[in-house]
PDB file of N, CA and C in Angstrom:
ATOM      1  N   MET A   1       0.823  -1.191   0.000  1.00  0.00           N
ATOM      2  CA  MET A   1       0.000   0.000   0.000  1.00  0.00           C
ATOM      3  C   MET A   1       0.868   1.257   0.000  1.00  0.00           C
ATOM      4  N   GLY A   2       1.992   1.253   0.764  1.00  0.00           N
ATOM      5  CA  GLY A   2       2.878   2.410   0.827  1.00  0.00           C
ATOM      6  C   GLY A   2       3.474   2.736  -0.530  1.00  0.00           C
ATOM      7  N   LEU A   3       3.872   1.727  -1.303  1.00  0.00           N
ATOM      8  CA  LEU A   3       4.432   1.922  -2.634  1.00  0.00           C
ATOM      9  C   LEU A   3       3.387   2.520  -3.567  1.00  0.00           C
ATOM     10  N   ALA A   4       2.175   2.036  -3.471  1.00  0.00           N
ATOM     11  CA  ALA A   4       1.094   2.567  -4.304  1.00  0.00           C
ATOM     12  C   ALA A   4       0.839   4.034  -3.990  1.00  0.00           C
ATOM     13  N   MET A   5       0.899   4.408  -2.707  1.00  0.00           N
ATOM     14  CA  MET A   5       0.690   5.807  -2.325  1.00  0.00           C
ATOM     15  C   MET A   5       1.840   6.672  -2.822  1.00  0.00           C
ATOM     16  N   LEU A   6       3.069   6.166  -2.736  1.00  0.00           N
ATOM     17  CA  LEU A   6       4.232   6.897  -3.213  1.00  0.00           C
ATOM     18  C   LEU A   6       4.133   7.128  -4.710  1.00  0.00           C
ATOM     19  N   LYS A   7       3.777   6.079  -5.440  1.00  0.00           N
ATOM     20  CA  LYS A   7       3.634   6.200  -6.881  1.00  0.00           C
ATOM     21  C   LYS A   7       2.503   7.176  -7.214  1.00  0.00           C
ATOM     22  N   ASN A   8       1.422   7.108  -6.477  1.00  0.00           N
ATOM     23  CA  ASN A   8       0.290   7.998  -6.703  1.00  0.00           C
ATOM     24  C   ASN A   8       0.685   9.445  -6.425  1.00  0.00           C
ATOM     25  N   ASP A   9       1.554   9.659  -5.426  1.00  0.00           N
ATOM     26  CA  ASP A   9       2.011  11.008  -5.111  1.00  0.00           C
ATOM     27  C   ASP A   9       2.936  11.545  -6.206  1.00  0.00           C
ATOM     28  N   ARG A  10       3.726  10.652  -6.795  1.00  0.00           N
ATOM     29  CA  ARG A  10       4.678  11.042  -7.835  1.00  0.00           C
ATOM     30  C   ARG A  10       4.008  11.288  -9.169  1.00  0.00           C
ATOM     31  N   ILE A  11       2.944  10.560  -9.452  1.00  0.00           N
ATOM     32  CA  ILE A  11       2.240  10.687 -10.723  1.00  0.00           C
ATOM     33  C   ILE A  11       0.805  11.111 -10.434  1.00  0.00           C
ATOM     34  N   ARG A  12       0.450  12.273 -10.937  1.00  0.00           N
ATOM     35  CA  ARG A  12      -0.913  12.774 -10.748  1.00  0.00           C
ATOM     36  C   ARG A  12      -1.472  13.172 -12.104  1.00  0.00           C
ATOM     37  N   ASN A  13      -2.699  12.814 -12.314  1.00  0.00           N
ATOM     38  CA  ASN A  13      -3.379  13.134 -13.573  1.00  0.00           C
ATOM     39  C   ASN A  13      -2.567  12.691 -14.788  1.00  0.00           C
ATOM     40  N   GLY A  14      -1.846  11.610 -14.667  1.00  0.00           N
ATOM     41  CA  GLY A  14      -1.082  11.077 -15.794  1.00  0.00           C
ATOM     42  C   GLY A  14       0.236  11.790 -16.037  1.00  0.00           C
ATOM     43  N   LEU A  15       0.640  12.718 -15.145  1.00  0.00           N
ATOM     44  CA  LEU A  15       1.888  13.453 -15.314  1.00  0.00           C
ATOM     45  C   LEU A  15       2.899  13.019 -14.265  1.00  0.00           C
ATOM     46  N   ASP A  16       4.103  12.763 -14.702  1.00  0.00           N
ATOM     47  CA  ASP A  16       5.199  12.407 -13.799  1.00  0.00           C
ATOM     48  C   ASP A  16       5.785  13.713 -13.256  1.00  0.00           C
ATOM     49  N   LYS A  17       5.743  13.875 -11.950  1.00  0.00           N
ATOM     50  CA  LYS A  17       6.186  15.121 -11.316  1.00  0.00           C
ATOM     51  C   LYS A  17       7.648  15.437 -11.635  1.00  0.00           C
ATOM     52  N   LYS A  18       8.522  14.442 -11.536  1.00  0.00           N
ATOM     53  CA  LYS A  18       9.950  14.667 -11.785  1.00  0.00           C
ATOM     54  C   LYS A  18      10.195  15.054 -13.250  1.00  0.00           C
ATOM     55  N   ALA A  19       9.560  14.340 -14.169  1.00  0.00           N
ATOM     56  CA  ALA A  19       9.731  14.656 -15.591  1.00  0.00           C
ATOM     57  C   ALA A  19       9.202  16.050 -15.902  1.00  0.00           C
ATOM     58  N   THR A  20       8.108  16.417 -15.270  1.00  0.00           N
ATOM     59  CA  THR A  20       7.537  17.750 -15.475  1.00  0.00           C
ATOM     60  C   THR A  20       8.483  18.819 -14.949  1.00  0.00           C
ATOM     61  N   GLU A  21       9.050  18.599 -13.759  1.00  0.00           N
ATOM     62  CA  GLU A  21      10.008  19.551 -13.194  1.00  0.00           C
ATOM     63  C   GLU A  21      11.236  19.692 -14.081  1.00  0.00           C
ATOM     64  N   GLU A  22      11.743  18.571 -14.599  1.00  0.00           N
ATOM     65  CA  GLU A  22      12.913  18.611 -15.486  1.00  0.00           C
ATOM     66  C   GLU A  22      12.587  19.358 -16.770  1.00  0.00           C
ATOM     67  N   SER A  23      11.404  19.121 -17.300  1.00  0.00           N
ATOM     68  CA  SER A  23      10.984  19.806 -18.517  1.00  0.00           C
ATOM     69  C   SER A  23      10.862  21.311 -18.279  1.00  0.00           C
ATOM     70  N   LEU A  24      10.273  21.694 -17.159  1.00  0.00           N
ATOM     71  CA  LEU A  24      10.140  23.112 -16.829  1.00  0.00           C
ATOM     72  C   LEU A  24      11.513  23.753 -16.605  1.00  0.00           C
ATOM     73  N   GLN A  25      12.428  23.030 -15.973  1.00  0.00           N
ATOM     74  CA  GLN A  25      13.777  23.550 -15.761  1.00  0.00           C
ATOM     75  C   GLN A  25      14.493  23.761 -17.099  1.00  0.00           C
ATOM     76  N   HIS A  26      14.319  22.822 -18.013  1.00  0.00           N
ATOM     77  CA  HIS A  26      14.919  22.937 -19.343  1.00  0.00           C
ATOM     78  C   HIS A  26      14.366  24.169 -20.068  1.00  0.00           C
ATOM     79  N   MET A  27      13.059  24.372 -19.988  1.00  0.00           N
ATOM     80  CA  MET A  27      12.445  25.547 -20.620  1.00  0.00           C
ATOM     81  C   MET A  27      12.963  26.835 -19.982  1.00  0.00           C
ATOM     82  N   LEU A  28      13.117  26.833 -18.654  1.00  0.00           N
ATOM     83  CA  LEU A  28      13.645  28.001 -17.959  1.00  0.00           C
ATOM     84  C   LEU A  28      15.069  28.306 -18.410  1.00  0.00           C
ATOM     85  N   ASP A  29      15.886  27.272 -18.553  1.00  0.00           N
ATOM     86  CA  ASP A  29      17.260  27.455 -19.040  1.00  0.00           C
ATOM     87  C   ASP A  29      17.268  28.039 -20.445  1.00  0.00           C
ATOM     88  N   GLN A  30      16.379  27.555 -21.302  1.00  0.00           N
ATOM     89  CA  GLN A  30      16.282  28.072 -22.668  1.00  0.00           C
ATOM     90  C   GLN A  30      15.845  29.534 -22.668  1.00  0.00           C
ATOM     91  N   LEU A  31      14.895  29.875 -21.798  1.00  0.00           N
ATOM     92  CA  LEU A  31      14.437  31.263 -21.704  1.00  0.00           C
ATOM     93  C   LEU A  31      15.543  32.190 -21.215  1.00  0.00           C
ATOM     94  N   ARG A  32      16.327  31.726 -20.262  1.00  0.00           N
ATOM     95  CA  ARG A  32      17.447  32.540 -19.767  1.00  0.00           C
ATOM     96  C   ARG A  32      18.457  32.797 -20.884  1.00  0.00           C
ATOM     97  N   LEU A  33      18.769  31.757 -21.649  1.00  0.00           N
ATOM     98  CA  LEU A  33      19.707  31.903 -22.756  1.00  0.00           C
ATOM     99  C   LEU A  33      19.152  32.854 -23.815  1.00  0.00           C
ATOM    100  N   LEU A  34      17.894  32.714 -24.141  1.00  0.00           N
ATOM    101  CA  LEU A  34      17.250  33.600 -25.107  1.00  0.00           C
ATOM    102  C   LEU A  34      17.273  35.038 -24.610  1.00  0.00           C
ATOM    103  N   ASP A  35      16.970  35.247 -23.336  1.00  0.00           N
ATOM    104  CA  ASP A  35      16.989  36.586 -22.750  1.00  0.00           C
ATOM    105  C   ASP A  35      18.389  37.184 -22.828  1.00  0.00           C
ATOM    106  N   GLN A  36      19.399  36.369 -22.535  1.00  0.00           N
ATOM    107  CA  GLN A  36      20.785  36.846 -22.586  1.00  0.00           C
ATOM    108  C   GLN A  36      21.174  37.250 -24.009  1.00  0.00           C
ATOM    109  N   LYS A  37      20.812  36.423 -24.991  1.00  0.00           N
ATOM    110  CA  LYS A  37      21.138  36.730 -26.384  1.00  0.00           C
ATOM    111  C   LYS A  37      20.411  37.984 -26.849  1.00  0.00           C
ATOM    112  N   LEU A  38      19.150  38.108 -26.480  1.00  0.00           N
ATOM    113  CA  LEU A  38      18.357  39.269 -26.875  1.00  0.00           C
ATOM    114  C   LEU A  38      18.908  40.541 -26.238  1.00  0.00           C
ATOM    115  N   THR A  39      19.253  40.467 -24.961  1.00  0.00           N
ATOM    116  CA  THR A  39      19.814  41.621 -24.258  1.00  0.00           C
ATOM    117  C   THR A  39      21.129  42.049 -24.895  1.00  0.00           C
ATOM    118  N   THR A  40      21.981  41.086 -25.210  1.00  0.00           N
ATOM    119  CA  THR A  40      23.266  41.390 -25.847  1.00  0.00           C
ATOM    120  C   THR A  40      23.060  42.035 -27.208  1.00  0.00           C
ATOM    121  N   SER A  41      22.131  41.513 -27.972  1.00  0.00           N
ATOM    122  CA  SER A  41      21.844  42.052 -29.298  1.00  0.00           C
ATOM    123  C   SER A  41      21.311  43.480 -29.216  1.00  0.00           C
ATOM    124  N   ILE A  42      20.395  43.711 -28.291  1.00  0.00           N
ATOM    125  CA  ILE A  42      19.824  45.048 -28.130  1.00  0.00           C
ATOM    126  C   ILE A  42      20.885  46.025 -27.654  1.00  0.00           C
ATOM    127  N   ASP A  43      21.703  45.614 -26.687  1.00  0.00           N
ATOM    128  CA  ASP A  43      22.783  46.476 -26.205  1.00  0.00           C
ATOM    129  C   ASP A  43      23.718  46.865 -27.340  1.00  0.00           C
ATOM    130  N   SER A  44      24.043  45.915 -28.179  1.00  0.00           N
ATOM    131  CA  SER A  44      24.935  46.175 -29.312  1.00  0.00           C
ATOM    132  C   SER A  44      24.295  47.164 -30.283  1.00  0.00           C
ATOM    133  N   GLU A  45      23.029  46.977 -30.567  1.00  0.00           N
ATOM    134  CA  GLU A  45      22.311  47.868 -31.487  1.00  0.00           C
ATOM    135  C   GLU A  45      22.233  49.283 -30.920  1.00  0.00           C
ATOM    136  N   VAL A  46      21.917  49.406 -29.654  1.00  0.00           N
ATOM    137  CA  VAL A  46      21.822  50.721 -29.012  1.00  0.00           C
ATOM    138  C   VAL A  46      23.190  51.407 -29.020  1.00  0.00           C
ATOM    139  N   TRP A  47      24.246  50.652 -28.710  1.00  0.00           N
ATOM    140  CA  TRP A  47      25.596  51.221 -28.693  1.00  0.00           C
ATOM    141  C   TRP A  47      25.993  51.704 -30.093  1.00  0.00           C
ATOM    142  N   GLY A  48      25.662  50.921 -31.112  1.00  0.00           N
ATOM    143  CA  GLY A  48      25.967  51.321 -32.486  1.00  0.00           C
ATOM    144  C   GLY A  48      25.233  52.589 -32.885  1.00  0.00           C
ATOM    145  N   CYS A  49      23.967  52.686 -32.517  1.00  0.00           N
ATOM    146  CA  CYS A  49      23.185  53.900 -32.813  1.00  0.00           C
ATOM    147  C   CYS A  49      23.759  55.107 -32.070  1.00  0.00           C
ATOM    148  N   PHE A  50      24.123  54.896 -30.807  1.00  0.00           N
ATOM    149  CA  PHE A  50      24.710  55.978 -30.024  1.00  0.00           C
ATOM    150  C   PHE A  50      25.983  56.496 -30.683  1.00  0.00           C
ATOM    151  N   GLN A  51      26.872  55.568 -31.078  1.00  0.00           N
ATOM    152  CA  GLN A  51      28.127  55.980 -31.701  1.00  0.00           C
ATOM    153  C   GLN A  51      27.879  56.732 -33.006  1.00  0.00           C
ATOM    154  N   SER A  52      26.938  56.264 -33.788  1.00  0.00           N
ATOM    155  CA  SER A  52      26.603  56.916 -35.058  1.00  0.00           C
ATOM    156  C   SER A  52      26.089  58.338 -34.826  1.00  0.00           C
ATOM    157  N   HIS A  53      25.178  58.494 -33.873  1.00  0.00           N
ATOM    158  CA  HIS A  53      24.648  59.827 -33.582  1.00  0.00           C
ATOM    159  C   HIS A  53      25.715  60.741 -32.981  1.00  0.00           C
ATOM    160  N   TYR A  54      26.550  60.179 -32.126  1.00  0.00           N
ATOM    161  CA  TYR A  54      27.618  60.968 -31.523  1.00  0.00           C
ATOM    162  C   TYR A  54      28.578  61.484 -32.596  1.00  0.00           C
ATOM    163  N   LYS A  55      28.905  60.621 -33.548  1.00  0.00           N
ATOM    164  CA  LYS A  55      29.796  61.026 -34.647  1.00  0.00           C
ATOM    165  C   LYS A  55      29.137  62.128 -35.480  1.00  0.00           C
ATOM    166  N   GLU A  56      27.853  61.974 -35.759  1.00  0.00           N
ATOM    167  CA  GLU A  56      27.133  62.975 -36.553  1.00  0.00           C
ATOM    168  C   GLU A  56      27.095  64.317 -35.825  1.00  0.00           C
ATOM    169  N   ILE A  57      26.872  64.286 -34.514  1.00  0.00           N
ATOM    170  CA  ILE A  57      26.854  65.516 -33.712  1.00  0.00           C
ATOM    171  C   ILE A  57      28.240  66.160 -33.721  1.00  0.00           C
ATOM    172  N   SER A  58      29.280  65.372 -33.580  1.00  0.00           N
ATOM    173  CA  SER A  58      30.653  65.903 -33.584  1.00  0.00           C
ATOM    174  C   SER A  58      30.987  66.552 -34.922  1.00  0.00           C
ATOM    175  N   GLU A  59      30.576  65.903 -36.006  1.00  0.00           N
ATOM    176  CA  GLU A  59      30.834  66.465 -37.332  1.00  0.00           C
ATOM    177  C   GLU A  59      30.053  67.762 -37.537  1.00  0.00           C
ATOM    178  N   THR A  60      28.836  67.818 -37.026  1.00  0.00           N
ATOM    179  CA  THR A  60      28.023  69.032 -37.144  1.00  0.00           C
ATOM    180  C   THR A  60      28.659  70.166 -36.338  1.00  0.00           C
ATOM    181  N   LYS A  61      29.128  69.872 -35.133  1.00  0.00           N
ATOM    182  CA  LYS A  61      29.803  70.887 -34.321  1.00  0.00           C
ATOM    183  C   LYS A  61      31.047  71.418 -35.034  1.00  0.00           C
ATOM    184  N   LYS A  62      31.807  70.500 -35.622  1.00  0.00           N
ATOM    185  CA  LYS A  62      33.026  70.885 -36.337  1.00  0.00           C
ATOM    186  C   LYS A  62      32.680  71.790 -37.519  1.00  0.00           C
ATOM    187  N   PHE A  63      31.627  71.454 -38.235  1.00  0.00           N
ATOM    188  CA  PHE A  63      31.187  72.267 -39.374  1.00  0.00           C
ATOM    189  C   PHE A  63      30.770  73.663 -38.905  1.00  0.00           C
ATOM    190  N   ILE A  64      30.004  73.724 -37.818  1.00  0.00           N
ATOM    191  CA  ILE A  64      29.525  75.010 -37.303  1.00  0.00           C
ATOM    192  C   ILE A  64      30.698  75.863 -36.850  1.00  0.00           C
ATOM    193  N   ARG A  65      31.651  75.248 -36.143  1.00  0.00           N
ATOM    194  CA  ARG A  65      32.833  76.001 -35.698  1.00  0.00           C
ATOM    195  C   ARG A  65      33.623  76.540 -36.899  1.00  0.00           C
ATOM    196  N   GLY A  66      33.764  75.709 -37.913  1.00  0.00           N
ATOM    197  CA  GLY A  66      34.480  76.144 -39.117  1.00  0.00           C
ATOM    198  C   GLY A  66      33.755  77.275 -39.817  1.00  0.00           C
ATOM    199  N   THR A  67      32.430  77.203 -39.856  1.00  0.00           N
ATOM    200  CA  THR A  67      31.640  78.259 -40.496  1.00  0.00           C
ATOM    201  C   THR A  67      31.746  79.559 -39.715  1.00  0.00           C
ATOM    202  N   ILE A  68      31.706  79.491 -38.400  1.00  0.00           N
ATOM    203  CA  ILE A  68      31.812  80.697 -37.565  1.00  0.00           C
ATOM    204  C   ILE A  68      33.187  81.313 -37.728  1.00  0.00           C
ATOM    205  N   GLU A  69      34.242  80.516 -37.755  1.00  0.00           N
ATOM    206  CA  GLU A  69      35.597  81.035 -37.933  1.00  0.00           C
ATOM    207  C   GLU A  69      35.744  81.709 -39.288  1.00  0.00           C
ATOM    208  N   CYS A  70      35.066  81.187 -40.274  1.00  0.00           N
ATOM    209  CA  CYS A  70      35.139  81.750 -41.623  1.00  0.00           C
ATOM    210  C   CYS A  70      34.569  83.165 -41.646  1.00  0.00           C
ATOM    211  N   TYR A  71      33.509  83.396 -40.911  1.00  0.00           N
ATOM    212  CA  TYR A  71      32.869  84.708 -40.892  1.00  0.00           C
ATOM    213  C   TYR A  71      33.623  85.697 -40.003  1.00  0.00           C
ATOM    214  N   HIS A  72      34.430  85.213 -39.072  1.00  0.00           N
ATOM    215  CA  HIS A  72      35.200  86.081 -38.192  1.00  0.00           C
ATOM    216  C   HIS A  72      36.493  86.548 -38.852  1.00  0.00           C
ATOM    217  N   ASP A  73      36.919  85.883 -39.876  1.00  0.00           N
ATOM    218  CA  ASP A  73      38.184  86.267 -40.526  1.00  0.00           C
ATOM    219  C   ASP A  73      38.055  87.408 -41.456  1.00  0.00           C
TER     220      ASP A  73
END
C-alpha cells in the first residue's frame, strides 16, 4: 500500500512530477539563454546607434565652428 501511495504522489493526472520539473527547468534554461542573447543584441544595437549619432553631432559641431571662424576672418 505504501508503494502505491508513493507512486500515486509522484504521478498525478497522468503526469510524472519529476519529468515535469525537469521539462520546466529545461524551458527556464532556454528562456534565460534567449533573454541573454536578446539583451546582448539590443545592447549592441543601441551602442551602435549611439556611436553613429555621436559622430554625426561631432561632425556638425566641427562644421559650425568652421563656419563661424570663416565669418570672423
